[in-house]
Amino acid sequence: MFFADHAPPHFHAEYQGMKAIINIKTGELMEGDMPIKQLRLIQAWCVIHEDELLLNFETLRSNPASWGKVEPLK
């Protein structure tokens, strides 16, 4: 996520040089490219951490110094 990022709520993902933008609420690939297997893992992680991701998205827009780390998928 980036400070003062635009709506809709989303995050940026990278894998082996590929970049993607994922909608937090729908898990939809908004932009970029990602192998299907990795995209499905990212989408599962997004569902598990949706509340944290939405909170971080809003926090970054209002107070960029206080965002929290979201646990990675293991």
C-alpha atoms as a PDB file:
ATOM      1  CA  MET A   1       0.000   0.000   0.000  1.00  0.00           C
ATOM      2  CA  PHE A   2       1.076   3.543  -0.620  1.00  0.00           C
ATOM      3  CA  PHE A   3       0.438   6.785   1.265  1.00  0.00           C
ATOM      4  CA  ALA A   4      -2.520   8.777  -0.121  1.00  0.00           C
ATOM      5  CA  ASP A   5      -3.429   5.999  -2.549  1.00  0.00           C
ATOM      6  CA  HIS A   6      -6.626   6.200  -4.588  1.00  0.00           C
ATOM      7  CA  ALA A   7      -9.923   4.360  -4.142  1.00  0.00           C
ATOM      8  CA  PRO A   8     -11.114   1.637  -4.317  1.00  0.00           C
ATOM      9  CA  PRO A   9      -9.262   0.064  -1.373  1.00  0.00           C
ATOM     10  CA  HIS A  10      -6.472  -2.090  -2.799  1.00  0.00           C
ATOM     11  CA  PHE A  11      -2.933  -3.310  -2.290  1.00  0.00           C
ATOM     12  CA  HIS A  12       0.048  -3.933  -4.517  1.00  0.00           C
ATOM     13  CA  ALA A  13       1.552  -7.431  -4.825  1.00  0.00           C
ATOM     14  CA  GLU A  14       4.788  -8.579  -6.437  1.00  0.00           C
ATOM     15  CA  TYR A  15       6.034 -12.007  -7.423  1.00  0.00           C
ATOM     16  CA  GLN A  16       9.197 -12.737  -9.419  1.00  0.00           C
ATOM     17  CA  GLY A  17       9.174  -9.344 -11.105  1.00  0.00           C
ATOM     18  CA  MET A  18       5.425  -9.391 -11.816  1.00  0.00           C
ATOM     19  CA  LYS A  19       3.271  -6.714 -10.252  1.00  0.00           C
ATOM     20  CA  ALA A  20      -0.438  -6.642  -9.547  1.00  0.00           C
ATOM     21  CA  ILE A  21      -2.996  -4.418  -7.879  1.00  0.00           C
ATOM     22  CA  ILE A  22      -5.669  -6.320  -5.945  1.00  0.00           C
ATOM     23  CA  ASN A  23      -9.042  -4.962  -4.800  1.00  0.00           C
ATOM     24  CA  ILE A  24      -9.330  -5.638  -1.050  1.00  0.00           C
ATOM     25  CA  LYS A  25     -13.120  -6.010  -0.967  1.00  0.00           C
ATOM     26  CA  THR A  26     -13.464  -8.308  -4.003  1.00  0.00           C
ATOM     27  CA  GLY A  27     -10.021  -9.881  -4.409  1.00  0.00           C
ATOM     28  CA  GLU A  28     -10.228  -8.877  -8.070  1.00  0.00           C
ATOM     29  CA  LEU A  29      -7.052  -8.314 -10.068  1.00  0.00           C
ATOM     30  CA  MET A  30      -7.455  -4.636 -10.940  1.00  0.00           C
ATOM     31  CA  GLU A  31      -4.225  -4.142 -12.821  1.00  0.00           C
ATOM     32  CA  GLY A  32      -1.059  -5.996 -13.714  1.00  0.00           C
ATOM     33  CA  ASP A  33      -0.231  -9.644 -14.191  1.00  0.00           C
ATOM     34  CA  MET A  34       0.223 -12.587 -11.847  1.00  0.00           C
ATOM     35  CA  PRO A  35       0.396 -16.370 -12.429  1.00  0.00           C
ATOM     36  CA  ILE A  36      -2.960 -17.923 -11.561  1.00  0.00           C
ATOM     37  CA  LYS A  37      -1.575 -20.084  -8.723  1.00  0.00           C
ATOM     38  CA  GLN A  38       0.007 -17.078  -6.999  1.00  0.00           C
ATOM     39  CA  LEU A  39      -3.079 -14.941  -7.661  1.00  0.00           C
ATOM     40  CA  ARG A  40      -5.287 -17.526  -5.936  1.00  0.00           C
ATOM     41  CA  LEU A  41      -2.941 -17.564  -2.903  1.00  0.00           C
ATOM     42  CA  ILE A  42      -2.984 -13.757  -2.780  1.00  0.00           C
ATOM     43  CA  GLN A  43      -6.778 -13.753  -2.988  1.00  0.00           C
ATOM     44  CA  ALA A  44      -7.047 -16.309  -0.154  1.00  0.00           C
ATOM     45  CA  TRP A  45      -4.699 -14.169   1.967  1.00  0.00           C
ATOM     46  CA  CYS A  46      -6.822 -11.117   1.130  1.00  0.00           C
ATOM     47  CA  VAL A  47      -9.990 -12.831   2.398  1.00  0.00           C
ATOM     48  CA  ILE A  48      -8.278 -13.909   5.629  1.00  0.00           C
ATOM     49  CA  HIS A  49      -6.917 -10.404   6.295  1.00  0.00           C
ATOM     50  CA  GLU A  50      -9.619  -8.221   4.730  1.00  0.00           C
ATOM     51  CA  ASP A  51     -10.368  -6.267   7.924  1.00  0.00           C
ATOM     52  CA  GLU A  52      -6.679  -5.551   8.589  1.00  0.00           C
ATOM     53  CA  LEU A  53      -6.083  -4.551   4.975  1.00  0.00           C
ATOM     54  CA  LEU A  54      -9.045  -2.164   4.939  1.00  0.00           C
ATOM     55  CA  LEU A  55      -7.914  -0.616   8.213  1.00  0.00           C
ATOM     56  CA  ASN A  56      -4.386  -0.155   6.858  1.00  0.00           C
ATOM     57  CA  PHE A  57      -5.695   1.364   3.633  1.00  0.00           C
ATOM     58  CA  GLU A  58      -7.719   3.971   5.531  1.00  0.00           C
ATOM     59  CA  THR A  59      -4.968   4.588   8.088  1.00  0.00           C
ATOM     60  CA  LEU A  60      -2.383   5.222   5.384  1.00  0.00           C
ATOM     61  CA  ARG A  61      -4.625   7.839   3.824  1.00  0.00           C
ATOM     62  CA  SER A  62      -5.087   9.749   7.094  1.00  0.00           C
ATOM     63  CA  ASN A  63      -1.983   8.960   9.154  1.00  0.00           C
ATOM     64  CA  PRO A  64       0.786   7.247   7.157  1.00  0.00           C
ATOM     65  CA  ALA A  65       3.056   6.807  10.176  1.00  0.00           C
ATOM     66  CA  SER A  66       0.690   4.453  12.035  1.00  0.00           C
ATOM     67  CA  TRP A  67      -0.098   1.583   9.659  1.00  0.00           C
ATOM     68  CA  GLY A  68       0.362  -1.998  10.820  1.00  0.00           C
ATOM     69  CA  LYS A  69       2.035  -5.043   9.345  1.00  0.00           C
ATOM     70  CA  VAL A  70      -0.247  -7.814   8.064  1.00  0.00           C
ATOM     71  CA  GLU A  71       0.867 -11.388   8.687  1.00  0.00           C
ATOM     72  CA  PRO A  72       2.035 -13.129   5.483  1.00  0.00           C
ATOM     73  CA  LEU A  73       0.456 -16.325   4.171  1.00  0.00           C
ATOM     74  CA  LYS A  74       2.454 -19.329   5.398  1.00  0.00           C
END
